[in-house]
Structures are given as C-alpha cells and as structure tokens.
C-alpha atoms as a PDB file:
ATOM      1  CA  MET A   1      14.535  16.199 -12.212  1.00  0.00           C
ATOM      2  CA  PRO A   2      14.949  16.784 -15.944  1.00  0.00           C
ATOM      3  CA  ILE A   3      12.469  18.956 -17.818  1.00  0.00           C
ATOM      4  CA  VAL A   4       9.378  16.811 -18.426  1.00  0.00           C
ATOM      5  CA  THR A   5       6.371  16.629 -20.722  1.00  0.00           C
ATOM      6  CA  SER A   6       2.873  17.434 -19.508  1.00  0.00           C
ATOM      7  CA  THR A   7       1.361  13.982 -20.155  1.00  0.00           C
ATOM      8  CA  GLU A   8       1.394  12.584 -16.614  1.00  0.00           C
ATOM      9  CA  LEU A   9       0.916  16.016 -15.052  1.00  0.00           C
ATOM     10  CA  PHE A  10      -2.284  16.579 -17.038  1.00  0.00           C
ATOM     11  CA  LYS A  11      -3.644  13.136 -16.173  1.00  0.00           C
ATOM     12  CA  LYS A  12      -3.189  13.838 -12.469  1.00  0.00           C
ATOM     13  CA  ALA A  13      -4.653  17.323 -12.826  1.00  0.00           C
ATOM     14  CA  TYR A  14      -7.708  16.059 -14.712  1.00  0.00           C
ATOM     15  CA  ASP A  15      -8.388  13.343 -12.164  1.00  0.00           C
ATOM     16  CA  GLY A  16      -7.620  15.642  -9.227  1.00  0.00           C
ATOM     17  CA  GLY A  17      -9.794  18.597 -10.238  1.00  0.00           C
ATOM     18  CA  TYR A  18      -7.038  21.185 -10.542  1.00  0.00           C
ATOM     19  CA  ALA A  19      -5.087  22.929 -13.292  1.00  0.00           C
ATOM     20  CA  ILE A  20      -1.395  23.587 -13.823  1.00  0.00           C
ATOM     21  CA  GLY A  21      -0.229  27.148 -14.292  1.00  0.00           C
ATOM     22  CA  ALA A  22       1.473  27.963 -17.583  1.00  0.00           C
ATOM     23  CA  PHE A  23       3.430  31.125 -16.862  1.00  0.00           C
ATOM     24  CA  ASN A  24       5.170  33.066 -19.602  1.00  0.00           C
ATOM     25  CA  ILE A  25       8.887  33.699 -19.205  1.00  0.00           C
ATOM     26  CA  ASN A  26      11.011  36.469 -20.675  1.00  0.00           C
ATOM     27  CA  ASN A  27      14.076  36.791 -18.436  1.00  0.00           C
ATOM     28  CA  MET A  28      15.940  35.309 -15.486  1.00  0.00           C
ATOM     29  CA  GLU A  29      13.979  37.126 -12.783  1.00  0.00           C
ATOM     30  CA  ILE A  30      10.644  35.794 -14.039  1.00  0.00           C
ATOM     31  CA  VAL A  31      11.975  32.220 -14.238  1.00  0.00           C
ATOM     32  CA  GLN A  32      13.336  32.527 -10.701  1.00  0.00           C
ATOM     33  CA  ALA A  33      10.102  33.943  -9.287  1.00  0.00           C
ATOM     34  CA  ILE A  34       7.858  31.313 -10.864  1.00  0.00           C
ATOM     35  CA  THR A  35       9.953  28.300  -9.940  1.00  0.00           C
ATOM     36  CA  GLU A  36      10.665  29.482  -6.391  1.00  0.00           C
ATOM     37  CA  ALA A  37       6.948  29.910  -5.727  1.00  0.00           C
ATOM     38  CA  ALA A  38       6.113  26.556  -7.331  1.00  0.00           C
ATOM     39  CA  ALA A  39       8.830  24.734  -5.397  1.00  0.00           C
ATOM     40  CA  GLU A  40       7.768  26.224  -2.066  1.00  0.00           C
ATOM     41  CA  LEU A  41       4.141  25.282  -2.688  1.00  0.00           C
ATOM     42  CA  LYS A  42       4.968  21.853  -4.156  1.00  0.00           C
ATOM     43  CA  SER A  43       3.189  22.605  -7.409  1.00  0.00           C
ATOM     44  CA  PRO A  44       4.094  21.330 -10.880  1.00  0.00           C
ATOM     45  CA  VAL A  45       4.593  24.188 -13.312  1.00  0.00           C
ATOM     46  CA  ILE A  46       4.755  24.993 -17.009  1.00  0.00           C
ATOM     47  CA  LEU A  47       7.210  27.645 -18.181  1.00  0.00           C
ATOM     48  CA  GLN A  48       6.248  28.862 -21.617  1.00  0.00           C
ATOM     49  CA  ALA A  49       7.961  31.095 -24.130  1.00  0.00           C
ATOM     50  CA  SER A  50       6.115  33.042 -26.797  1.00  0.00           C
ATOM     51  CA  GLN A  51       7.425  34.161 -30.158  1.00  0.00           C
ATOM     52  CA  GLY A  52       8.099  37.567 -28.622  1.00  0.00           C
ATOM     53  CA  ALA A  53      10.033  36.062 -25.727  1.00  0.00           C
ATOM     54  CA  ARG A  54      12.178  33.991 -28.066  1.00  0.00           C
ATOM     55  CA  LYS A  55      12.935  37.070 -30.148  1.00  0.00           C
ATOM     56  CA  TYR A  56      13.748  39.159 -27.059  1.00  0.00           C
ATOM     57  CA  ALA A  57      15.814  36.689 -25.042  1.00  0.00           C
ATOM     58  CA  ASN A  58      16.863  34.100 -27.656  1.00  0.00           C
ATOM     59  CA  SER A  59      15.676  30.499 -27.249  1.00  0.00           C
ATOM     60  CA  VAL A  60      19.124  29.319 -26.158  1.00  0.00           C
ATOM     61  CA  TYR A  61      19.081  31.619 -23.141  1.00  0.00           C
ATOM     62  CA  LEU A  62      15.530  30.619 -22.247  1.00  0.00           C
ATOM     63  CA  VAL A  63      16.248  26.901 -22.456  1.00  0.00           C
ATOM     64  CA  LYS A  64      19.371  27.271 -20.305  1.00  0.00           C
ATOM     65  CA  LEU A  65      17.481  29.355 -17.728  1.00  0.00           C
ATOM     66  CA  VAL A  66      14.834  26.657 -17.436  1.00  0.00           C
ATOM     67  CA  GLU A  67      17.492  23.948 -17.227  1.00  0.00           C
ATOM     68  CA  ALA A  68      19.123  25.914 -14.400  1.00  0.00           C
ATOM     69  CA  ALA A  69      15.794  26.122 -12.575  1.00  0.00           C
ATOM     70  CA  ALA A  70      15.329  22.360 -12.968  1.00  0.00           C
ATOM     71  CA  GLU A  71      18.788  21.790 -11.517  1.00  0.00           C
ATOM     72  CA  LEU A  72      18.121  24.108  -8.566  1.00  0.00           C
ATOM     73  CA  HIS A  73      14.727  22.524  -7.865  1.00  0.00           C
ATOM     74  CA  PRO A  74      15.227  18.815  -8.630  1.00  0.00           C
ATOM     75  CA  GLU A  75      11.946  17.889  -6.938  1.00  0.00           C
ATOM     76  CA  LEU A  76       9.909  20.205  -9.170  1.00  0.00           C
ATOM     77  CA  PRO A  77       8.247  18.898 -12.377  1.00  0.00           C
ATOM     78  CA  ILE A  78       8.857  21.613 -14.998  1.00  0.00           C
ATOM     79  CA  VAL A  79       7.516  21.620 -18.546  1.00  0.00           C
ATOM     80  CA  LEU A  80       9.151  23.895 -21.143  1.00  0.00           C
ATOM     81  CA  HIS A  81       6.446  24.900 -23.602  1.00  0.00           C
ATOM     82  CA  LEU A  82       6.269  26.961 -26.780  1.00  0.00           C
ATOM     83  CA  ASP A  83       3.327  29.357 -26.599  1.00  0.00           C
ATOM     84  CA  HIS A  84       1.554  30.172 -29.889  1.00  0.00           C
ATOM     85  CA  GLY A  85       3.866  28.543 -32.387  1.00  0.00           C
ATOM     86  CA  ALA A  86       2.945  30.129 -35.702  1.00  0.00           C
ATOM     87  CA  ASP A  87       3.813  27.218 -37.993  1.00  0.00           C
ATOM     88  CA  PHE A  88       5.496  23.834 -38.331  1.00  0.00           C
ATOM     89  CA  ALA A  89       8.970  25.347 -38.723  1.00  0.00           C
ATOM     90  CA  THR A  90       8.722  27.241 -35.432  1.00  0.00           C
ATOM     91  CA  CYS A  91       7.480  24.189 -33.559  1.00  0.00           C
ATOM     92  CA  LYS A  92      10.165  21.988 -35.125  1.00  0.00           C
ATOM     93  CA  ASP A  93      12.894  24.400 -34.066  1.00  0.00           C
ATOM     94  CA  CYS A  94      11.695  24.329 -30.467  1.00  0.00           C
ATOM     95  CA  VAL A  95      11.359  20.533 -30.347  1.00  0.00           C
ATOM     96  CA  ASP A  96      14.848  20.210 -31.790  1.00  0.00           C
ATOM     97  CA  ASN A  97      16.285  22.550 -29.177  1.00  0.00           C
ATOM     98  CA  GLY A  98      14.992  21.322 -25.854  1.00  0.00           C
ATOM     99  CA  PHE A  99      11.308  22.241 -25.567  1.00  0.00           C
ATOM    100  CA  THR A 100       9.278  19.324 -24.207  1.00  0.00           C
ATOM    101  CA  SER A 101       5.950  20.758 -25.334  1.00  0.00           C
ATOM    102  CA  VAL A 102       4.864  22.988 -28.225  1.00  0.00           C
ATOM    103  CA  MET A 103       1.689  24.740 -29.251  1.00  0.00           C
ATOM    104  CA  ILE A 104       0.794  25.002 -32.894  1.00  0.00           C
ATOM    105  CA  ASP A 105      -1.648  27.890 -33.246  1.00  0.00           C
ATOM    106  CA  TYR A 106      -3.278  27.634 -36.666  1.00  0.00           C
ATOM    107  CA  SER A 107      -6.655  28.657 -35.292  1.00  0.00           C
ATOM    108  CA  SER A 108      -6.906  31.724 -37.518  1.00  0.00           C
ATOM    109  CA  HIS A 109      -6.845  29.449 -40.597  1.00  0.00           C
ATOM    110  CA  ASP A 110      -9.747  27.358 -41.830  1.00  0.00           C
ATOM    111  CA  PHE A 111     -10.546  24.036 -40.191  1.00  0.00           C
ATOM    112  CA  GLU A 112      -8.818  21.806 -42.756  1.00  0.00           C
ATOM    113  CA  ALA A 113      -5.621  23.871 -42.735  1.00  0.00           C
ATOM    114  CA  ASN A 114      -5.621  23.809 -38.933  1.00  0.00           C
ATOM    115  CA  VAL A 115      -6.037  20.036 -38.958  1.00  0.00           C
ATOM    116  CA  GLU A 116      -3.230  19.491 -41.446  1.00  0.00           C
ATOM    117  CA  GLU A 117      -0.660  21.754 -39.767  1.00  0.00           C
ATOM    118  CA  SER A 118      -1.504  20.457 -36.284  1.00  0.00           C
ATOM    119  CA  ARG A 119      -1.255  16.829 -37.462  1.00  0.00           C
ATOM    120  CA  LYS A 120       2.126  17.508 -39.032  1.00  0.00           C
ATOM    121  CA  VAL A 121       3.468  19.074 -35.832  1.00  0.00           C
ATOM    122  CA  ALA A 122       2.069  16.275 -33.665  1.00  0.00           C
ATOM    123  CA  GLU A 123       3.703  13.573 -35.761  1.00  0.00           C
ATOM    124  CA  TYR A 124       7.086  15.290 -35.662  1.00  0.00           C
ATOM    125  CA  ALA A 125       6.960  16.067 -31.951  1.00  0.00           C
ATOM    126  CA  HIS A 126       5.754  12.626 -30.895  1.00  0.00           C
ATOM    127  CA  GLU A 127       8.588  10.937 -32.764  1.00  0.00           C
ATOM    128  CA  ARG A 128      10.967  12.976 -30.604  1.00  0.00           C
ATOM    129  CA  GLY A 129       9.255  12.598 -27.231  1.00  0.00           C
ATOM    130  CA  ALA A 130       7.536  15.992 -27.107  1.00  0.00           C
ATOM    131  CA  VAL A 131       3.828  16.764 -26.745  1.00  0.00           C
ATOM    132  CA  VAL A 132       1.578  19.127 -28.696  1.00  0.00           C
ATOM    133  CA  GLU A 133      -1.189  21.601 -27.922  1.00  0.00           C
ATOM    134  CA  ALA A 134      -3.412  23.021 -30.657  1.00  0.00           C
ATOM    135  CA  GLU A 135      -6.203  25.592 -30.673  1.00  0.00           C
ATOM    136  CA  LEU A 136      -9.744  25.462 -32.010  1.00  0.00           C
ATOM    137  CA  GLY A 137     -11.659  28.733 -31.913  1.00  0.00           C
ATOM    138  CA  THR A 138     -10.046  32.169 -31.791  1.00  0.00           C
ATOM    139  CA  LEU A 139      -9.423  34.414 -28.774  1.00  0.00           C
ATOM    140  CA  ALA A 140      -9.647  38.177 -29.046  1.00  0.00           C
ATOM    141  CA  GLY A 141      -7.002  40.518 -27.652  1.00  0.00           C
ATOM    142  CA  ILE A 142      -3.385  41.520 -28.109  1.00  0.00           C
ATOM    143  CA  GLU A 143      -0.358  39.848 -26.556  1.00  0.00           C
ATOM    144  CA  ASP A 144       3.062  39.556 -28.203  1.00  0.00           C
ATOM    145  CA  ALA A 145       2.543  38.317 -31.785  1.00  0.00           C
ATOM    146  CA  VAL A 146      -1.118  37.456 -31.149  1.00  0.00           C
ATOM    147  CA  SER A 147      -3.547  40.163 -32.256  1.00  0.00           C
ATOM    148  CA  VAL A 148      -7.214  39.438 -32.958  1.00  0.00           C
ATOM    149  CA  ASP A 149      -9.971  42.052 -33.155  1.00  0.00           C
ATOM    150  CA  ALA A 150     -13.023  41.366 -30.995  1.00  0.00           C
ATOM    151  CA  ASP A 151     -15.275  40.993 -34.039  1.00  0.00           C
ATOM    152  CA  LYS A 152     -12.941  38.306 -35.439  1.00  0.00           C
ATOM    153  CA  ALA A 153     -12.964  36.163 -32.289  1.00  0.00           C
ATOM    154  CA  MET A 154     -14.883  32.886 -32.428  1.00  0.00           C
ATOM    155  CA  PHE A 155     -16.053  30.558 -29.678  1.00  0.00           C
ATOM    156  CA  THR A 156     -14.977  26.956 -30.084  1.00  0.00           C
ATOM    157  CA  ASP A 157     -17.606  24.841 -31.831  1.00  0.00           C
ATOM    158  CA  PRO A 158     -18.094  21.649 -29.767  1.00  0.00           C
ATOM    159  CA  ASP A 159     -19.266  19.867 -32.928  1.00  0.00           C
ATOM    160  CA  GLN A 160     -15.720  20.073 -34.298  1.00  0.00           C
ATOM    161  CA  VAL A 161     -13.597  18.979 -31.341  1.00  0.00           C
ATOM    162  CA  GLU A 162     -13.818  15.197 -31.706  1.00  0.00           C
ATOM    163  CA  GLU A 163     -12.946  15.242 -35.387  1.00  0.00           C
ATOM    164  CA  PHE A 164     -10.115  17.701 -34.784  1.00  0.00           C
ATOM    165  CA  VAL A 165      -8.483  15.708 -31.976  1.00  0.00           C
ATOM    166  CA  ASN A 166      -8.918  12.367 -33.751  1.00  0.00           C
ATOM    167  CA  ARG A 167      -7.461  13.596 -37.022  1.00  0.00           C
ATOM    168  CA  THR A 168      -4.538  15.556 -35.558  1.00  0.00           C
ATOM    169  CA  GLY A 169      -3.417  13.356 -32.670  1.00  0.00           C
ATOM    170  CA  VAL A 170      -2.657  16.394 -30.495  1.00  0.00           C
ATOM    171  CA  ASP A 171      -2.273  15.926 -26.743  1.00  0.00           C
ATOM    172  CA  SER A 172      -4.280  18.920 -25.484  1.00  0.00           C
ATOM    173  CA  LEU A 173      -6.659  21.470 -26.922  1.00  0.00           C
ATOM    174  CA  ALA A 174      -6.945  25.200 -26.276  1.00  0.00           C
ATOM    175  CA  ILE A 175     -10.538  26.366 -26.618  1.00  0.00           C
ATOM    176  CA  ALA A 176     -12.186  29.784 -26.809  1.00  0.00           C
ATOM    177  CA  ILE A 177     -14.882  30.286 -24.163  1.00  0.00           C
ATOM    178  CA  GLY A 178     -14.560  34.000 -23.454  1.00  0.00           C
ATOM    179  CA  THR A 179     -11.006  34.507 -22.230  1.00  0.00           C
ATOM    180  CA  SER A 180      -8.921  37.115 -24.039  1.00  0.00           C
ATOM    181  CA  HIS A 181      -5.272  38.038 -24.493  1.00  0.00           C
ATOM    182  CA  GLY A 182      -3.684  41.080 -22.881  1.00  0.00           C
ATOM    183  CA  ALA A 183      -4.641  43.401 -20.017  1.00  0.00           C
ATOM    184  CA  TYR A 184      -7.590  45.047 -21.782  1.00  0.00           C
ATOM    185  CA  LYS A 185      -9.918  42.088 -22.094  1.00  0.00           C
ATOM    186  CA  PHE A 186     -13.285  43.777 -21.591  1.00  0.00           C
ATOM    187  CA  LYS A 187     -14.892  47.190 -21.821  1.00  0.00           C
ATOM    188  CA  PRO A 188     -15.580  49.026 -18.529  1.00  0.00           C
ATOM    189  CA  GLY A 189     -18.992  48.244 -17.104  1.00  0.00           C
ATOM    190  CA  THR A 190     -19.196  44.766 -18.618  1.00  0.00           C
ATOM    191  CA  ASP A 191     -19.704  41.645 -16.523  1.00  0.00           C
ATOM    192  CA  PRO A 192     -17.094  39.158 -17.785  1.00  0.00           C
ATOM    193  CA  LYS A 193     -18.422  35.620 -17.914  1.00  0.00           C
ATOM    194  CA  LEU A 194     -16.813  32.510 -19.315  1.00  0.00           C
ATOM    195  CA  ARG A 195     -18.921  30.192 -21.463  1.00  0.00           C
ATOM    196  CA  LEU A 196     -18.685  27.293 -19.062  1.00  0.00           C
ATOM    197  CA  ASP A 197     -21.525  25.656 -20.999  1.00  0.00           C
ATOM    198  CA  ILE A 198     -19.209  25.319 -24.015  1.00  0.00           C
ATOM    199  CA  LEU A 199     -16.502  23.893 -21.757  1.00  0.00           C
ATOM    200  CA  ALA A 200     -18.970  21.347 -20.367  1.00  0.00           C
ATOM    201  CA  GLU A 201     -20.048  20.252 -23.853  1.00  0.00           C
ATOM    202  CA  VAL A 202     -16.445  19.972 -25.073  1.00  0.00           C
ATOM    203  CA  SER A 203     -15.622  17.915 -21.982  1.00  0.00           C
ATOM    204  CA  ARG A 204     -18.579  15.622 -22.641  1.00  0.00           C
ATOM    205  CA  ARG A 205     -17.407  14.991 -26.181  1.00  0.00           C
ATOM    206  CA  LEU A 206     -13.747  14.525 -25.158  1.00  0.00           C
ATOM    207  CA  PRO A 207     -13.882  12.613 -21.858  1.00  0.00           C
ATOM    208  CA  GLY A 208     -10.539  12.601 -20.056  1.00  0.00           C
ATOM    209  CA  PHE A 209      -8.919  14.905 -22.594  1.00  0.00           C
ATOM    210  CA  PRO A 210      -6.884  17.916 -21.295  1.00  0.00           C
ATOM    211  CA  ILE A 211      -8.343  21.328 -22.127  1.00  0.00           C
ATOM    212  CA  VAL A 212      -6.345  24.581 -22.078  1.00  0.00           C
ATOM    213  CA  LEU A 213      -7.426  28.160 -21.401  1.00  0.00           C
ATOM    214  CA  HIS A 214      -5.391  30.990 -22.916  1.00  0.00           C
ATOM    215  CA  GLY A 215      -5.700  34.668 -22.021  1.00  0.00           C
ATOM    216  CA  SER A 216      -6.514  33.949 -18.381  1.00  0.00           C
ATOM    217  CA  SER A 217      -4.830  36.786 -16.538  1.00  0.00           C
ATOM    218  CA  SER A 218      -7.080  38.504 -14.004  1.00  0.00           C
ATOM    219  CA  VAL A 219      -5.300  41.893 -14.139  1.00  0.00           C
ATOM    220  CA  PRO A 220      -4.895  42.540 -10.363  1.00  0.00           C
ATOM    221  CA  GLN A 221      -6.099  46.056  -9.734  1.00  0.00           C
ATOM    222  CA  GLU A 222      -3.613  46.640  -6.903  1.00  0.00           C
ATOM    223  CA  TYR A 223      -0.751  46.465  -9.400  1.00  0.00           C
ATOM    224  CA  VAL A 224      -2.599  48.587 -11.952  1.00  0.00           C
ATOM    225  CA  ARG A 225      -3.042  51.183  -9.204  1.00  0.00           C
ATOM    226  CA  ILE A 226       0.634  51.112  -8.213  1.00  0.00           C
ATOM    227  CA  ILE A 227       1.691  51.525 -11.837  1.00  0.00           C
ATOM    228  CA  ASN A 228      -0.662  54.455 -12.385  1.00  0.00           C
ATOM    229  CA  GLU A 229       0.351  56.132  -9.121  1.00  0.00           C
ATOM    230  CA  ASN A 230       3.975  56.003 -10.209  1.00  0.00           C
ATOM    231  CA  GLY A 231       3.812  57.449 -13.696  1.00  0.00           C
ATOM    232  CA  GLY A 232       1.898  54.746 -15.567  1.00  0.00           C
ATOM    233  CA  ALA A 233      -1.151  55.197 -17.768  1.00  0.00           C
ATOM    234  CA  LEU A 234      -3.083  51.926 -17.720  1.00  0.00           C
ATOM    235  CA  LYS A 235      -6.697  52.884 -18.277  1.00  0.00           C
ATOM    236  CA  ASP A 236      -9.551  50.382 -18.046  1.00  0.00           C
ATOM    237  CA  ALA A 237      -7.363  47.288 -17.716  1.00  0.00           C
ATOM    238  CA  ILE A 238      -9.796  44.472 -16.875  1.00  0.00           C
ATOM    239  CA  GLY A 239      -9.198  40.718 -16.608  1.00  0.00           C
ATOM    240  CA  ILE A 240     -10.905  37.357 -16.058  1.00  0.00           C
ATOM    241  CA  PRO A 241     -12.653  36.806 -12.685  1.00  0.00           C
ATOM    242  CA  GLU A 242     -10.635  34.292 -10.703  1.00  0.00           C
ATOM    243  CA  ASP A 243     -13.667  32.439  -9.355  1.00  0.00           C
ATOM    244  CA  GLN A 244     -14.653  31.477 -12.902  1.00  0.00           C
ATOM    245  CA  LEU A 245     -11.143  30.237 -13.637  1.00  0.00           C
ATOM    246  CA  ARG A 246     -11.198  28.138 -10.477  1.00  0.00           C
ATOM    247  CA  GLU A 247     -14.498  26.611 -11.560  1.00  0.00           C
ATOM    248  CA  ALA A 248     -13.007  25.731 -14.948  1.00  0.00           C
ATOM    249  CA  ALA A 249      -9.955  24.180 -13.266  1.00  0.00           C
ATOM    250  CA  LYS A 250     -12.168  21.794 -11.309  1.00  0.00           C
ATOM    251  CA  GLY A 251     -13.250  20.178 -14.575  1.00  0.00           C
ATOM    252  CA  ALA A 252     -11.458  19.371 -17.800  1.00  0.00           C
ATOM    253  CA  VAL A 253      -9.182  22.422 -17.854  1.00  0.00           C
ATOM    254  CA  CYS A 254      -5.695  21.158 -17.001  1.00  0.00           C
ATOM    255  CA  LYS A 255      -3.614  24.172 -18.118  1.00  0.00           C
ATOM    256  CA  ILE A 256      -4.314  27.860 -17.533  1.00  0.00           C
ATOM    257  CA  ASN A 257      -2.095  30.464 -19.194  1.00  0.00           C
ATOM    258  CA  ILE A 258      -1.009  33.565 -17.265  1.00  0.00           C
ATOM    259  CA  ASP A 259       1.208  36.292 -18.706  1.00  0.00           C
ATOM    260  CA  SER A 260      -0.157  39.834 -18.322  1.00  0.00           C
ATOM    261  CA  ASP A 261      -0.480  39.530 -14.540  1.00  0.00           C
ATOM    262  CA  LEU A 262       3.248  38.787 -14.282  1.00  0.00           C
ATOM    263  CA  ARG A 263       4.097  41.792 -16.446  1.00  0.00           C
ATOM    264  CA  LEU A 264       1.937  44.031 -14.287  1.00  0.00           C
ATOM    265  CA  GLY A 265       3.535  42.808 -11.072  1.00  0.00           C
ATOM    266  CA  LEU A 266       7.066  43.208 -12.388  1.00  0.00           C
ATOM    267  CA  THR A 267       6.362  46.677 -13.747  1.00  0.00           C
ATOM    268  CA  ALA A 268       4.623  47.782 -10.546  1.00  0.00           C
ATOM    269  CA  GLY A 269       7.626  46.714  -8.482  1.00  0.00           C
ATOM    270  CA  VAL A 270      10.083  48.540 -10.706  1.00  0.00           C
ATOM    271  CA  ARG A 271       8.017  51.742 -10.941  1.00  0.00           C
ATOM    272  CA  GLN A 272       7.415  51.871  -7.210  1.00  0.00           C
ATOM    273  CA  HIS A 273      11.080  51.233  -6.480  1.00  0.00           C
ATOM    274  CA  PHE A 274      12.179  54.136  -8.670  1.00  0.00           C
ATOM    275  CA  ALA A 275       9.592  56.423  -7.087  1.00  0.00           C
ATOM    276  CA  GLU A 276      10.831  55.559  -3.602  1.00  0.00           C
ATOM    277  CA  HIS A 277      14.537  55.432  -4.511  1.00  0.00           C
ATOM    278  CA  PRO A 278      15.171  57.947  -7.302  1.00  0.00           C
ATOM    279  CA  ASP A 279      18.918  57.681  -6.703  1.00  0.00           C
ATOM    280  CA  HIS A 280      19.066  53.952  -7.493  1.00  0.00           C
ATOM    281  CA  PHE A 281      20.411  52.675 -10.791  1.00  0.00           C
ATOM    282  CA  ASP A 282      21.474  49.107  -9.939  1.00  0.00           C
ATOM    283  CA  PRO A 283      19.230  46.600 -11.761  1.00  0.00           C
ATOM    284  CA  ARG A 284      19.645  44.192  -8.866  1.00  0.00           C
ATOM    285  CA  GLN A 285      17.849  46.649  -6.616  1.00  0.00           C
ATOM    286  CA  TYR A 286      14.737  47.404  -8.645  1.00  0.00           C
ATOM    287  CA  LEU A 287      14.443  43.993 -10.299  1.00  0.00           C
ATOM    288  CA  THR A 288      14.447  42.389  -6.846  1.00  0.00           C
ATOM    289  CA  ASP A 289      11.221  44.240  -6.055  1.00  0.00           C
ATOM    290  CA  GLY A 290       9.692  43.320  -9.403  1.00  0.00           C
ATOM    291  CA  ARG A 291      10.685  39.688  -8.925  1.00  0.00           C
ATOM    292  CA  LYS A 292       9.043  39.568  -5.492  1.00  0.00           C
ATOM    293  CA  ASN A 293       5.749  40.753  -6.968  1.00  0.00           C
ATOM    294  CA  VAL A 294       5.892  38.061  -9.649  1.00  0.00           C
ATOM    295  CA  LYS A 295       6.557  35.403  -7.026  1.00  0.00           C
ATOM    296  CA  ASP A 296       3.622  36.631  -4.921  1.00  0.00           C
ATOM    297  CA  ILE A 297       1.317  36.527  -7.955  1.00  0.00           C
ATOM    298  CA  VAL A 298       2.355  32.993  -8.895  1.00  0.00           C
ATOM    299  CA  ALA A 299       1.878  31.788  -5.316  1.00  0.00           C
ATOM    300  CA  HIS A 300      -1.605  33.314  -5.247  1.00  0.00           C
ATOM    301  CA  LYS A 301      -2.558  31.723  -8.557  1.00  0.00           C
ATOM    302  CA  ILE A 302      -1.339  28.292  -7.447  1.00  0.00           C
ATOM    303  CA  THR A 303      -3.312  28.294  -4.200  1.00  0.00           C
ATOM    304  CA  ALA A 304      -6.430  30.351  -5.009  1.00  0.00           C
ATOM    305  CA  VAL A 305      -7.045  29.720  -8.710  1.00  0.00           C
ATOM    306  CA  LEU A 306      -5.283  26.586  -9.931  1.00  0.00           C
ATOM    307  CA  GLY A 307      -5.510  24.418  -6.822  1.00  0.00           C
ATOM    308  CA  SER A 308      -2.197  22.803  -7.764  1.00  0.00           C
ATOM    309  CA  ASP A 309      -0.386  23.230  -4.452  1.00  0.00           C
ATOM    310  CA  ASN A 310       0.860  20.118  -2.615  1.00  0.00           C
ATOM    311  CA  LYS A 311       0.559  17.970  -5.733  1.00  0.00           C
ATOM    312  CA  ILE A 312       4.175  16.724  -5.914  1.00  0.00           C
END
C-alpha cells in the first residue's frame, strides 16, 4: 500500500470511537519498531517528523525509510506527517517531497495571522493531494523546536473554532486542553487533568470534525527508573494519565501524538544494555534493545490508549 492521507482513516476513527497514534520518527530503528507493532496489531499509523527530526536525519532519509516500511507492510495504512511546520515554506517543502500530511503551527501568532497562514497551506496542500492540520490554542512545554513557557500557554477558545475551520479549510485541528510537550509536563504533587469539557464543546461546535491532541506522552515511570538506575538524571518527569487519553479517543479526538515516551524507551534500552554489557560497542547490539522497548510502547498505546487495534 502506498503512503496515504489521513482523510478516510480519521473518518473511521471518529465513527469507531478510537484514535490513531501519531508517533515521531528520527531514525531507522524507530520507524521499524512503530510499523512492526502496528502491522502485528492491524492498526493504522501516522509516522510524523518534526523540524528537529528533519534537521537530524534529513527529510530524504525519513521519506525513504517510511517508503521502505510501506513496502515491507503493504497491508498497513501509513500516513507521513510533518509535525509542527513553522511556516508555509516548510509545509510546501514537505508536500513537494512526499509527505501526505502537514501541520502548520501558527498558534503562537494572533488569530488573523494563524487563519491566513493556515489557509495558504491548506490551499497549496489540497491542490497536490495532501491534507493539513492546524493548531488553535497553545501548549506549554519543550520538545524539539517547540518551546512555550507555562504562563504563555492558552486553552483553545471554543468560540473561535468554527470560524477558524471555515476560513482556513484545514482537515483537522489540534487543540489545547491541558496536554503539554516533553517529559516534564507537570510539577510533582499535581493531579494532571485534561479539560474534557473544552473538548466536548469543541466537538459540539464541529460535529464530525477530527480533533488532534499534541503532547500526549504518559512518561512511563518504569523507563524513567531504568534510565536513572543506569546513569541517567531524569527528575520529576511526569506525563498525561492514559485513562484520560483513552476517554478523549472515544470522542472527537482522532489523532494522538506520542514522542517523549518513545525517546524514554529507546534510551532506557541503550543505557541498560551498556550497564549489562560494558564490553559491547556494536550499535546493532544496543539499538536492538532500544528498538524492542519502542515496539513494546507502541503496542501498549495501540491497545490500551488508542483502541486502534484490529481496524484494518
């Protein structure tokens, strides 16, 4: 199966009460782990590349890795998505070079600027068969090129969503309801809660329209522990409760982004491998362990959080 857009996948997810995992990719091992887990569980999947990933690996490599995965798993619907495109030029470059979906993130600009840039991207992408995600509201946290202080974060205003979608023509909308980028989402002792009331109101105003949640890693404490026991120093890393994400996926949320959890699993595998095998220096040895952790995490997310297993 060739790389696809998310249009039909989102329609099925919306109607079926599940979400599709959008997992960030940076190298071959991560692509392999995600697609192997998705194929085994018969789950559609979105592979997304951030600005940092494109700088690290080069877009050409990433596109070819995803094309290879599509060739190896012909039964698996795979979307190749740009995560947090900073401007029209970035989105255009990705559309022109094989991405089937792009996100224009102009959420840090004022409403009118966000509308104009998102509309421009949507028009260009649609003419070339690609789809577009935009963001309304601003998430806190740090991940790759995204860095927003907590006091600058803003919940999505439901009063703006209809006008924004109608004027831009985008295909999905990322909203801010309390998720956060990175592994340090909340202060210790807090009780993280998503604003599911905002999600419900947005859904009421945009019936049938796909909603996206960014910053949705849950920061598995078992991997934080392994990292810290093997030379790491991750203090107070706290994520989003998975039960709240599952609740969101039963409604209008059709895409849930997961990045930090994969990084933690990969790093835990590598650190533990070196601690247990200090004489090893072959990347194939330690990256195999890291890759297994990533695959296990993706499989868990698909079955326990997203509910997207057995959907193809």
